[in-house]
Protein backbone atom coordinates (compact mmCIF):
# COMPACT_ATOMS: atom_id res chain seq x y z
CA MET A 1 -0.12 -0.07 0.02
CA ARG A 2 1.23 3.52 -1.08
CA ILE A 3 0.31 6.16 1.62
CA ALA A 4 0.72 10.04 0.76
CA MET A 5 1.30 12.20 3.76
CA ALA A 6 0.20 15.57 3.78
CA GLN A 7 2.10 17.82 6.11
CA LEU A 8 0.24 21.29 5.28
CA ASN A 9 0.13 25.09 6.58
CA PRO A 10 -3.91 25.91 7.38
CA THR A 11 -5.13 29.13 8.08
CA ILE A 12 -7.23 29.20 11.31
CA GLY A 13 -10.54 29.31 10.59
CA ALA A 14 -10.05 29.59 6.77
CA LEU A 15 -12.23 26.87 5.65
CA GLU A 16 -12.62 27.42 2.23
CA LYS A 17 -8.91 28.07 1.68
CA ASN A 18 -7.67 25.20 4.08
CA LEU A 19 -10.26 23.12 2.01
CA ARG A 20 -8.76 23.91 -1.51
CA ASN A 21 -5.12 23.12 -0.23
CA VAL A 22 -6.75 19.79 1.22
CA ILE A 23 -8.23 19.08 -2.39
CA THR A 24 -4.87 20.16 -4.27
CA HIS A 25 -2.70 17.99 -2.19
CA TYR A 26 -5.36 14.96 -2.38
CA GLN A 27 -4.88 15.20 -6.34
CA GLU A 28 -0.96 15.14 -6.22
CA GLY A 29 -1.62 12.20 -4.16
CA LEU A 30 -4.09 10.39 -6.93
CA GLU A 31 -1.81 11.38 -9.76
CA LYS A 32 1.03 9.60 -7.49
CA LYS A 33 -0.89 6.62 -7.31
CA ALA A 34 -1.37 6.50 -3.62
CA ASP A 35 -3.94 4.25 -1.76
CA LEU A 36 -5.26 6.36 1.20
CA VAL A 37 -3.98 10.28 1.50
CA VAL A 38 -3.60 11.76 5.43
CA PHE A 39 -3.91 14.85 6.76
CA SER A 40 -3.34 16.13 10.01
CA GLU A 41 -5.55 17.09 13.21
CA LEU A 42 -8.00 19.38 12.50
CA ALA A 43 -7.10 20.17 8.65
CA LEU A 44 -9.81 22.66 7.95
CA THR A 45 -10.27 24.85 10.88
CA GLY A 46 -6.38 24.84 11.66
CA TYR A 47 -5.36 24.48 15.21
CA PRO A 48 -5.71 25.75 17.86
CA PRO A 49 -9.22 27.14 16.56
CA ARG A 50 -10.12 28.06 20.30
CA ASP A 51 -13.35 30.10 20.38
CA LEU A 52 -14.72 29.62 16.89
CA LEU A 53 -15.35 26.03 18.27
CA ASN A 54 -18.13 28.05 20.20
CA TYR A 55 -20.11 29.08 17.00
CA LYS A 56 -22.38 26.45 15.87
CA GLY A 57 -22.07 27.94 11.89
CA PHE A 58 -18.60 27.18 12.01
CA LEU A 59 -18.95 23.71 13.13
CA ASP A 60 -21.47 23.56 10.50
CA LYS A 61 -19.66 25.01 7.76
CA GLU A 62 -16.48 22.77 8.27
CA ARG A 63 -19.03 19.37 8.46
CA ALA A 64 -20.62 21.02 4.88
CA LEU A 65 -17.37 20.87 3.71
CA ILE A 66 -16.30 17.48 4.85
CA GLU A 67 -20.09 16.35 3.24
CA ASP A 68 -20.04 18.16 0.05
CA GLU A 69 -16.67 18.50 -1.04
CA LEU A 70 -14.28 15.75 0.28
CA ILE A 71 -16.49 12.59 0.76
CA PRO A 72 -17.54 13.03 -2.87
CA LEU A 73 -14.26 12.66 -3.94
CA THR A 74 -13.77 9.05 -2.29
CA ALA A 75 -16.19 8.03 -4.57
CA GLN A 76 -15.19 9.35 -7.42
CA SER A 77 -11.30 8.34 -6.84
CA GLY A 78 -11.51 5.40 -4.87
CA VAL A 79 -9.16 6.74 -2.87
CA PRO A 80 -10.07 7.43 0.51
CA ILE A 81 -8.73 10.04 3.12
CA ILE A 82 -8.10 10.63 6.60
CA ILE A 83 -8.55 13.76 8.08
CA GLY A 84 -8.36 15.57 11.21
CA ALA A 85 -12.48 16.86 12.43
CA ASN A 86 -14.35 18.43 14.45
CA HIS A 87 -17.33 15.66 15.11
CA ARG A 88 -20.42 16.31 16.98
CA GLN A 89 -21.67 13.63 18.93
CA ASN A 90 -24.80 13.49 21.61
CA ASN A 91 -24.62 16.87 22.06
CA ARG A 92 -20.76 17.08 22.76
CA LEU A 93 -17.72 17.95 20.63
CA TYR A 94 -14.85 15.84 20.12
CA ASN A 95 -11.45 16.52 18.23
CA ALA A 96 -11.71 13.69 15.81
CA ALA A 97 -10.16 11.94 12.70
CA LEU A 98 -12.61 10.48 9.95
CA PHE A 99 -12.12 7.97 7.67
CA LEU A 100 -13.70 8.55 4.40
CA GLU A 101 -14.68 5.98 2.03
CA LYS A 102 -15.96 5.20 -1.39
CA GLY A 103 -18.52 8.26 -0.84
CA THR A 104 -19.19 7.80 2.85
CA ILE A 105 -17.77 8.18 6.33
CA LYS A 106 -16.47 5.08 7.01
CA SER A 107 -15.10 5.79 10.80
CA ILE A 108 -14.91 7.97 13.27
CA HIS A 109 -11.76 8.02 15.77
CA LEU A 110 -12.14 10.38 18.66
CA LYS A 111 -9.32 11.81 20.91
CA THR A 112 -8.95 10.83 24.02
CA LEU A 113 -5.88 12.99 26.07
CA LEU A 114 -7.15 16.29 25.65
CA PRO A 115 -4.20 18.72 26.61
CA TYR A 116 -5.05 21.65 29.26
CA PHE A 117 -1.43 22.79 30.17
CA ASP A 118 0.36 25.82 28.69
CA VAL A 119 -1.09 26.95 25.03
CA PHE A 120 -3.47 24.33 25.21
CA ASP A 121 -6.85 24.42 26.68
CA GLU A 122 -8.82 21.69 24.22
CA THR A 123 -10.82 20.24 27.54
CA ARG A 124 -12.82 24.19 27.46
CA TYR A 125 -14.46 22.71 24.23
CA TYR A 126 -13.78 18.83 23.88
CA THR A 127 -14.96 15.73 25.32
CA SER A 128 -12.58 12.90 26.29
CA SER A 129 -13.27 9.64 24.46
CA PRO A 130 -12.94 6.31 26.49
CA GLY A 131 -10.58 4.72 23.98
CA GLY A 132 -10.60 3.93 20.01
CA GLN A 133 -10.95 1.44 17.79
CA VAL A 134 -8.11 -0.41 15.14
CA GLU A 135 -8.93 0.57 11.42
CA MET A 136 -8.33 -2.07 8.86
CA LEU A 137 -6.34 -0.99 5.76
CA GLY A 138 -6.50 -4.01 3.58
CA ASN A 139 -5.09 -6.71 5.31
CA LEU A 140 -2.94 -4.13 7.65
CA PRO A 141 -4.57 -3.25 11.32
CA VAL A 142 -4.14 0.09 12.10
CA ALA A 143 -4.45 2.74 15.18
CA ILE A 144 -5.30 6.46 13.85
CA THR A 145 -4.63 8.34 16.99
CA ILE A 146 -4.24 12.15 17.46
CA CYS A 147 -1.66 14.11 18.65
CA GLU A 148 -1.84 14.41 22.51
CA ASP A 149 -2.87 9.91 22.12
CA ILE A 150 0.60 9.12 21.77
CA TRP A 151 2.75 11.39 24.25
CA ASN A 152 1.48 9.23 27.61
CA ASP A 153 2.98 5.67 28.01
CA MET A 154 3.78 5.08 31.35
CA SER A 155 6.57 3.13 30.60
CA TYR A 156 8.36 5.78 28.69
CA PHE A 157 7.19 9.55 30.71
CA ASN A 158 7.96 8.83 34.58
CA ASN A 159 5.31 11.51 35.66
CA PRO A 160 2.13 11.23 33.20
CA LEU A 161 -0.30 13.79 33.03
CA TYR A 162 -3.11 11.55 32.22
CA ASP A 163 -4.47 8.12 33.91
CA THR A 164 -5.03 6.73 30.76
CA ASN A 165 -2.67 5.16 27.93
CA PRO A 166 -4.33 5.23 24.73
CA LEU A 167 -1.52 3.17 22.98
CA GLU A 168 -1.65 0.44 25.45
CA LYS A 169 -5.75 0.09 25.35
CA LEU A 170 -5.23 -0.07 21.43
CA SER A 171 -2.12 -2.44 21.30
CA ALA A 172 -4.81 -5.05 22.89
CA GLN A 173 -6.04 -4.87 19.36
CA GLY A 174 -2.89 -5.89 17.61
CA PRO A 175 -2.18 -2.85 15.43
CA ARG A 176 0.64 -3.04 13.39
CA LEU A 177 0.75 0.44 12.00
CA ILE A 178 0.23 3.58 14.34
CA ILE A 179 -0.88 6.78 12.19
CA ASN A 180 -1.01 9.50 14.43
CA LEU A 181 -2.54 13.02 13.01
CA SER A 182 -1.24 15.89 15.30
CA ALA A 183 -0.75 19.58 15.41
CA SER A 184 2.41 19.76 17.74
CA PRO A 185 3.74 23.75 18.10
CA TYR A 186 7.34 23.74 18.18
CA HIS A 187 9.56 24.63 21.39
CA TYR A 188 13.41 24.36 21.87
CA GLY A 189 13.94 20.39 22.24
CA LYS A 190 11.10 19.68 20.93
CA HIS A 191 12.73 17.49 17.84
CA THR A 192 14.44 15.13 20.67
CA LEU A 193 11.84 14.90 22.48
CA ARG A 194 9.91 13.28 19.74
CA GLU A 195 12.84 11.38 18.03
CA ASP A 196 13.75 9.73 21.31
CA MET A 197 9.75 8.99 22.01
CA LEU A 198 8.53 7.88 18.77
CA PRO A 199 11.52 4.96 17.97
CA PHE A 200 11.01 4.05 21.36
CA LEU A 201 6.66 3.21 21.48
CA ALA A 202 7.87 1.52 17.99
CA GLN A 203 10.00 -0.67 19.48
CA LYS A 204 7.41 -1.37 22.03
CA TYR A 205 3.98 -1.58 20.34
CA ASP A 206 6.08 -3.61 16.94
CA SER A 207 4.53 -1.01 15.13
CA ALA A 208 5.29 1.08 12.40
CA ILE A 209 4.69 4.80 13.25
CA LEU A 210 3.83 7.41 10.74
CA TYR A 211 3.53 10.89 12.58
CA LEU A 212 2.17 13.47 10.61
CA ASN A 213 2.29 17.08 11.84
CA GLN A 214 1.06 20.44 10.93
CA VAL A 215 3.37 23.12 9.42
CA GLY A 216 3.40 27.00 9.71
CA ALA A 217 2.08 29.40 12.41
CA ASN A 218 -1.01 30.83 14.16
CA ASP A 219 -0.63 33.86 16.27
CA GLU A 220 1.75 32.76 18.44
CA LEU A 221 2.49 29.27 17.76
CA VAL A 222 4.48 28.23 15.18
CA PHE A 223 4.58 24.64 13.96
CA ASP A 224 7.23 22.90 12.84
CA GLY A 225 6.12 20.05 10.55
CA SER A 226 8.88 17.61 10.48
CA SER A 227 6.92 15.00 10.10
CA LEU A 228 8.48 11.28 11.16
CA VAL A 229 8.31 7.61 9.15
CA TYR A 230 9.64 5.26 11.44
CA ASN A 231 9.37 1.47 10.63
CA ASN A 232 8.74 -1.24 13.70
CA ARG A 233 12.09 -1.83 14.39
CA GLY A 234 12.34 2.17 15.39
CA GLU A 235 14.46 3.48 12.60
CA LEU A 236 13.80 6.63 10.96
CA LEU A 237 13.06 6.56 7.68
CA TYR A 238 12.12 10.05 6.82
CA ARG A 239 11.74 13.36 8.23
CA GLY A 240 9.34 16.37 6.88
CA PRO A 241 10.37 19.35 6.23
CA VAL A 242 10.67 22.56 9.14
CA ASP A 243 9.32 25.24 7.33
CA ARG A 244 7.16 24.36 4.67
CA GLU A 245 4.10 22.02 2.97
CA GLU A 246 4.84 18.98 1.49
CA LEU A 247 3.27 15.82 0.08
CA PHE A 248 5.69 12.55 0.78
CA LEU A 249 5.03 9.27 0.08
CA VAL A 250 5.01 5.87 2.21
CA GLU A 251 5.20 2.34 1.09
CA THR A 252 3.89 0.17 4.25
CA ALA A 253 6.41 -2.99 2.96
CA ASP A 254 9.32 -0.69 3.17
CA LEU A 255 7.62 -0.07 6.97
CA PHE A 256 8.21 -3.79 7.94
CA THR A 257 11.96 -4.64 7.16
CA PRO A 258 15.23 -3.50 8.64
CA ALA A 259 16.19 -0.20 6.63
CA GLU A 260 18.65 -0.06 4.22
CA LEU A 261 19.30 3.63 5.14
CA THR A 262 17.89 5.90 7.92
CA VAL A 263 17.99 8.84 8.73
CA SER A 264 20.42 10.35 11.76
CA PRO A 265 18.55 12.12 14.55
CA ASP A 266 17.64 15.64 14.61
CA ARG A 267 19.02 17.89 17.44
CA ASP A 268 17.74 21.48 17.81
CA SER A 269 20.11 23.98 17.08
CA ILE A 270 20.45 27.82 16.56
CA GLU A 271 19.56 27.90 13.09
CA THR A 272 16.01 25.91 14.08
CA VAL A 273 15.29 28.40 16.06
CA LYS A 274 16.49 31.24 13.21
CA THR A 275 14.05 28.98 10.51
CA ILE A 276 11.05 28.82 13.31
CA LEU A 277 10.97 32.50 13.64
CA GLU A 278 11.23 33.81 10.32
CA MET A 279 8.62 31.33 9.57
CA GLY A 280 6.48 32.78 12.46
CA THR A 281 7.49 36.23 11.10
CA ARG A 282 6.85 35.19 7.40
CA ASP A 283 3.03 33.52 8.74
CA TYR A 284 1.77 36.16 10.72
CA PHE A 285 1.88 38.69 8.36
CA ALA A 286 0.13 36.43 5.20
CA LYS A 287 -2.47 35.67 7.56
CA THR A 288 -3.12 38.74 9.11
CA GLY A 289 -2.93 40.67 5.64
CA PHE A 290 0.44 42.84 6.38
CA LYS A 291 3.01 43.13 3.61
CA LYS A 292 5.25 45.58 5.09
CA ALA A 293 7.38 45.74 8.53
CA VAL A 294 8.21 48.91 10.10
CA LEU A 295 10.77 48.82 13.37
CA GLY A 296 13.05 51.14 15.52
CA LEU A 297 16.78 50.89 14.61
CA SER A 298 19.04 51.72 18.01
CA GLY A 299 21.89 50.52 16.67
CA GLY A 300 21.73 47.79 19.74
CA ILE A 301 21.79 43.96 18.87
CA ASP A 302 18.09 43.32 19.35
CA SER A 303 16.34 45.97 16.83
CA ALA A 304 19.51 44.33 14.33
CA VAL A 305 18.63 40.96 14.65
CA VAL A 306 14.43 41.88 14.56
CA ALA A 307 15.67 43.56 11.25
CA ALA A 308 17.81 40.75 9.95
CA LEU A 309 15.30 37.70 10.65
CA ALA A 310 12.45 40.22 9.21
CA ALA A 311 14.19 41.10 6.11
CA ASN A 312 15.14 37.14 5.31
CA ALA A 313 11.41 36.44 6.30
CA LEU A 314 9.12 38.94 4.35
CA GLY A 315 12.39 40.49 1.69
CA PRO A 316 14.78 43.46 2.30
CA GLU A 317 12.28 45.29 0.24
CA ASN A 318 9.39 44.82 2.50
CA VAL A 319 11.27 46.50 5.54
CA LEU A 320 11.46 49.98 7.10
CA GLY A 321 13.65 50.75 9.74
CA ILE A 322 13.43 53.99 11.67
CA ILE A 323 16.40 55.71 13.44
CA MET A 324 15.52 58.08 15.57
CA PRO A 325 18.39 59.53 17.58
CA SER A 326 18.04 61.34 20.94
CA PRO A 327 20.21 63.66 22.96
CA TYR A 328 21.44 60.60 24.57
CA SER A 329 22.30 58.60 21.48
CA SER A 330 25.66 57.87 20.90
CA ARG A 331 27.14 58.73 17.18
CA HIS A 332 28.18 55.15 16.79
CA SER A 333 24.52 53.78 17.11
CA LYS A 334 23.47 55.77 14.78
CA GLU A 335 26.42 54.84 12.13
CA ASP A 336 25.98 51.51 13.49
CA ALA A 337 22.17 51.87 12.52
CA LEU A 338 22.57 53.10 9.04
CA GLU A 339 25.66 50.30 8.45
CA LEU A 340 23.00 47.71 9.14
CA ALA A 341 20.19 49.00 6.96
CA LYS A 342 22.85 48.89 4.40
CA ASN A 343 24.05 45.53 4.41
CA LEU A 344 20.35 44.24 4.89
CA GLY A 345 19.32 45.99 1.79
CA ILE A 346 16.45 47.40 3.87
CA LYS A 347 14.89 51.08 3.81
CA SER A 348 16.07 53.52 6.58
CA ARG A 349 14.89 56.90 7.38
CA VAL A 350 16.21 59.10 10.14
CA ILE A 351 13.93 61.12 12.70
CA SER A 352 15.31 62.72 15.16
CA ILE A 353 13.48 63.67 18.30
CA ASN A 354 15.45 66.39 20.09
CA GLU A 355 12.92 68.23 19.61
CA PRO A 356 9.51 66.69 20.43
CA PHE A 357 11.07 65.32 23.71
CA ASN A 358 13.03 68.58 24.47
CA THR A 359 9.06 70.53 23.90
CA PHE A 360 7.60 67.71 26.24
CA ILE A 361 10.56 68.47 28.51
CA LYS A 362 9.87 72.15 28.82
CA LEU A 363 5.59 71.17 28.65
CA LEU A 364 5.91 68.93 31.83
CA ASN A 365 8.79 70.41 33.90
CA ASP A 366 6.93 73.89 34.22
CA GLN A 367 9.76 75.00 31.67
CA LYS A 368 12.22 74.33 33.92
CA ASN A 369 15.45 72.02 32.61
CA PRO A 370 15.11 68.08 32.61
CA VAL A 371 14.80 66.49 35.49
CA MET A 372 16.61 63.16 34.60
CA ASP A 373 14.22 60.70 36.00
CA LEU A 374 12.74 57.38 35.03
CA ALA A 375 9.80 59.36 33.58
CA GLU A 376 11.84 61.27 30.87
CA GLU A 377 13.54 58.26 29.91
CA ASN A 378 10.22 56.40 29.60
CA LEU A 379 9.22 59.44 27.51
CA GLN A 380 12.05 58.95 24.98
CA ALA A 381 10.90 55.56 23.95
CA ARG A 382 7.24 56.88 23.85
CA LEU A 383 8.09 59.12 21.21
CA ARG A 384 9.41 56.61 19.38
CA GLY A 385 6.69 54.12 19.64
CA LEU A 386 4.33 56.98 18.70
CA ILE A 387 6.51 57.95 15.40
CA LEU A 388 6.85 53.74 14.79
CA MET A 389 2.93 53.60 15.01
CA GLN A 390 2.51 56.71 13.06
CA ILE A 391 4.50 55.56 9.60
CA SER A 392 2.29 52.13 10.53
CA ASN A 393 -0.98 54.08 10.29
CA ARG A 394 -0.37 56.25 7.32
CA GLU A 395 1.94 53.45 5.78
CA GLY A 396 0.16 50.05 6.67
CA HIS A 397 3.38 48.89 7.62
CA LEU A 398 2.96 46.52 10.66
CA ALA A 399 5.15 48.04 13.54
CA LEU A 400 7.54 44.88 14.96
CA VAL A 401 8.53 45.14 18.58
CA THR A 402 12.34 44.72 19.27
CA GLY A 403 12.68 43.53 23.10
CA ASN A 404 13.65 39.99 23.66
CA LYS A 405 12.66 37.57 26.54
CA SER A 406 14.59 38.25 29.26
CA GLU A 407 13.95 42.49 29.46
CA LEU A 408 10.11 41.77 29.17
CA ALA A 409 10.85 39.41 32.27
CA VAL A 410 11.90 41.63 34.50
CA GLY A 411 10.15 45.15 32.69
CA TYR A 412 13.10 46.35 31.72
CA SER A 413 10.41 47.68 29.00
CA THR A 414 8.30 50.94 28.15
CA LEU A 415 4.75 50.15 28.24
CA TYR A 416 3.38 52.13 25.04
CA GLY A 417 6.96 52.88 23.86
CA ASP A 418 9.42 50.19 22.73
CA MET A 419 6.76 47.90 23.58
CA ALA A 420 4.19 49.31 21.24
CA GLY A 421 3.83 47.31 17.70
CA GLY A 422 1.93 43.95 16.22
CA LEU A 423 4.42 41.37 16.68
CA ALA A 424 7.14 41.08 19.16
CA ILE A 425 9.76 38.24 16.69
CA LEU A 426 11.97 37.60 20.59
CA SER A 427 9.50 37.91 22.69
CA ASP A 428 10.62 34.60 23.56
CA VAL A 429 14.55 34.40 23.17
CA ARG A 430 16.07 35.21 25.86
CA LYS A 431 19.31 37.85 25.63
CA MET A 432 22.11 35.64 25.31
CA MET A 433 20.33 33.48 22.80
CA VAL A 434 19.71 36.55 20.66
CA TYR A 435 23.71 37.40 20.80
CA GLU A 436 23.77 33.61 19.04
CA LEU A 437 21.64 34.28 16.57
CA ALA A 438 23.57 37.63 16.06
CA HIS A 439 26.78 35.46 14.94
CA HIS A 440 25.27 32.66 13.18
CA ILE A 441 23.11 35.13 10.97
CA ASN A 442 26.79 36.76 10.22
CA LYS A 443 27.97 32.86 9.70
CA LEU A 444 25.38 32.11 7.24
CA HIS A 445 25.97 35.35 5.17
CA GLY A 446 30.01 34.69 5.04
CA LYS A 447 30.36 38.34 6.74
CA ALA A 448 29.43 40.74 9.18
CA VAL A 449 26.10 41.93 8.22
CA ILE A 450 25.42 42.82 12.01
CA PRO A 451 28.28 44.90 12.50
CA GLU A 452 30.82 43.42 14.97
CA SER A 453 30.60 46.96 16.58
CA ILE A 454 26.82 45.96 17.23
CA ILE A 455 27.36 42.67 18.82
CA GLN A 456 30.59 43.49 21.00
CA LYS A 457 29.43 46.98 22.32
CA ALA A 458 27.64 47.01 25.90
CA PRO A 459 23.77 46.59 25.92
CA SER A 460 22.55 49.91 26.54
CA ALA A 461 18.96 51.65 25.73
CA GLU A 462 20.46 55.33 26.04
CA LEU A 463 17.89 56.53 27.09
CA ARG A 464 20.21 59.10 29.76
CA PRO A 465 24.08 59.86 29.54
CA ASP A 466 26.46 56.86 29.67
CA GLN A 467 23.21 54.50 30.56
CA LYS A 468 24.40 50.83 30.72
CA ASP A 469 21.56 48.00 30.96
CA GLU A 470 23.94 46.73 33.72
CA ASP A 471 23.24 49.77 35.78
CA SER A 472 19.34 48.23 36.12
CA LEU A 473 19.93 44.48 35.66
CA PRO A 474 22.45 41.54 36.56
CA PRO A 475 24.46 40.75 33.70
CA TYR A 476 22.50 38.90 31.29
CA LYS A 477 25.00 36.00 31.86
CA PHE A 478 23.39 35.51 35.20
CA LEU A 479 20.24 36.62 34.39
CA ASP A 480 18.86 34.40 31.71
CA PRO A 481 20.23 31.35 33.55
CA ILE A 482 17.69 32.28 36.74
CA LEU A 483 14.75 33.75 34.33
CA GLU A 484 14.71 29.79 32.49
CA LEU A 485 14.74 28.33 35.97
CA TYR A 486 11.59 30.73 37.26
CA LEU A 487 9.84 31.01 34.41
CA GLU A 488 10.54 27.50 31.74
CA LYS A 489 11.20 25.05 34.63
CA ASN A 490 9.02 26.81 37.75
CA TYR A 491 11.68 26.10 40.02
CA SER A 492 11.41 28.06 43.42
CA PRO A 493 13.29 30.64 45.00
CA SER A 494 14.98 28.29 46.99
CA GLU A 495 15.79 25.63 44.46
CA ILE A 496 17.11 28.21 42.09
CA ILE A 497 19.66 29.14 44.88
CA ALA A 498 20.67 25.57 45.44
CA GLU A 499 21.97 25.55 41.55
CA GLY A 500 24.29 27.58 42.42
CA HIS A 501 22.90 31.44 42.37
CA ASP A 502 23.25 34.44 44.31
CA GLU A 503 20.87 34.64 47.08
CA GLU A 504 20.21 38.63 46.51
CA THR A 505 20.34 38.07 42.87
CA VAL A 506 17.56 35.77 42.73
CA LYS A 507 15.12 37.12 45.11
CA ARG A 508 15.83 40.53 43.31
CA VAL A 509 15.31 39.10 39.91
CA ILE A 510 12.15 37.36 41.02
CA LYS A 511 10.78 40.80 42.50
CA MET A 512 11.14 42.36 39.40
CA VAL A 513 9.65 39.00 37.23
CA ASP A 514 6.91 39.43 39.57
CA THR A 515 6.10 43.07 39.33
CA ALA A 516 5.90 43.22 35.76
CA GLU A 517 3.62 40.81 35.12
CA TYR A 518 0.80 43.83 34.23
CA LYS A 519 3.28 45.07 31.56
CA ARG A 520 3.37 41.77 29.63
CA ARG A 521 -0.55 41.42 29.62
CA GLN A 522 -1.06 44.20 27.38
CA ALA A 523 2.49 43.06 25.15
CA ALA A 524 2.08 42.33 21.69
CA ILE A 525 1.68 38.81 20.19
CA GLY A 526 5.60 37.10 20.74
CA LEU A 527 6.81 33.76 18.84
CA ARG A 528 7.10 31.02 21.46
CA ILE A 529 10.19 28.81 21.11
CA SER A 530 10.59 27.89 24.49
CA PRO A 531 8.28 25.73 26.92
CA TYR A 532 7.01 28.28 28.33
CA SER A 533 6.77 31.32 27.32
CA PHE A 534 4.70 35.16 27.58
CA GLY A 535 1.40 34.71 25.96
CA ALA A 536 -1.41 32.94 25.75
CA GLY A 537 -0.38 29.56 28.07
CA ARG A 538 0.64 32.26 31.06
CA ARG A 539 -1.91 32.68 33.00
CA ALA A 540 -0.31 34.64 36.62
CA PRO A 541 -2.55 37.35 38.17
CA VAL A 542 -1.73 40.85 37.85
CA ALA A 543 -3.00 41.79 41.34
CA ARG A 544 -1.73 39.19 43.94
CA GLY A 545 -1.31 38.89 47.36
CA PHE A 546 1.51 36.16 47.34
CA GLU A 547 5.26 36.93 47.39
CA HIS A 548 7.81 34.17 47.39
CA TYR A 549 9.71 36.55 50.03
């Protein structure tokens, strides 16, 4: 049997558009003599559809497209389809896989494990199924599973999130092939996790595994494709691309013999992060209708990396950098920003904020001299944000926020200033990784498109004379590991200190993180690359009485 696996990039809610893409790839499968064509989890609605699922009309439309468009195709061609879709039954909604064959829905396979953590909230919408049944494809018994249903093998995970193992139940029916329809978003380390787990399961259940993942980005979630094919020995036969759609073929005869050639396991790298951030940027623009980006170029490392990523994702002709010097901006920062823009081939403008800043100083200080306080520092950031949003409104550019996760975590950012914009590309990238990205980008170009002077200079917001980030923050080499433990691993202060971090620094950092929650609640959408990012997955209260100390 020849199985065609369609790794697609749906747009959430774009039912007709997604259907056209499904049909196009189905027809490609027919041209390649496939005996079955498989599509991923919630292929027509896109994942996650979230509160669109509350609208009956949305669900009715999805089912109508399946019944009026997809099911008839299987009658005409004789080639069945497996596709992820919503399914209503007994006044309950299920996340399902539909097996379409010969003009009918032959069988329905319901998802058992509904993730309810971090960015996932499936229990808000769906009902869990108690278990499924094996489907016969010719003489081949197949377990059709959906995403999370392969992620809870008790013998693999020490701390299972659920009290049931769908694969264990299905294994009693003797499947030789497991097909998993996924919409599994990326985070750093996800490739390693998948490619350690799936061969273990293949060997344990003596079953080949076809893991089909969604690709592309929807809002903050970026889906990394990387669909996988394992034979029943746990040997990796194929891995799909990280950043594009693809229909690939699997011959079932190859799934039950020793592999002549295998694919090496994938381990996340800084190149993976770069690819994910660029795909997330490209898709956010494409799916929201924007074509051009504008950002502030400060001459610092963060705006330089954002500009480089945006230029590669959107094309340099679609990126505009605004250089906005203030009375405290150094000459080399302006020169570095101009050199960066030239190296990247992006457009640039210089708009000084000296005059409006001085006007506000007079207005707000009763015609007196600057007070040189935090309010005046933030005023500069807000003037820059005002300029960027003016250009955004007038010229139709989406404003990019250039801040990184380290700054956002501790509140080293200005509301309605440098936080103003529509997309924050680096908001889940800690400062030290920003430097890794800069070095990697230069390495790929074979030259310093990001000037070395930008990389080497001490980080500074340049909002007062001779200002340095370390005047207000611990050095990033100490700050970032503390943030990783506190935010991404949920360590308590005592556990972080036990890891060897300075007690006073830990206390200071955690206080800053907790105090800045109100800022993050108002932040732009940011692309997720860590297991726990700021955004939809974080639900920390702003007004609260609990403190660690």
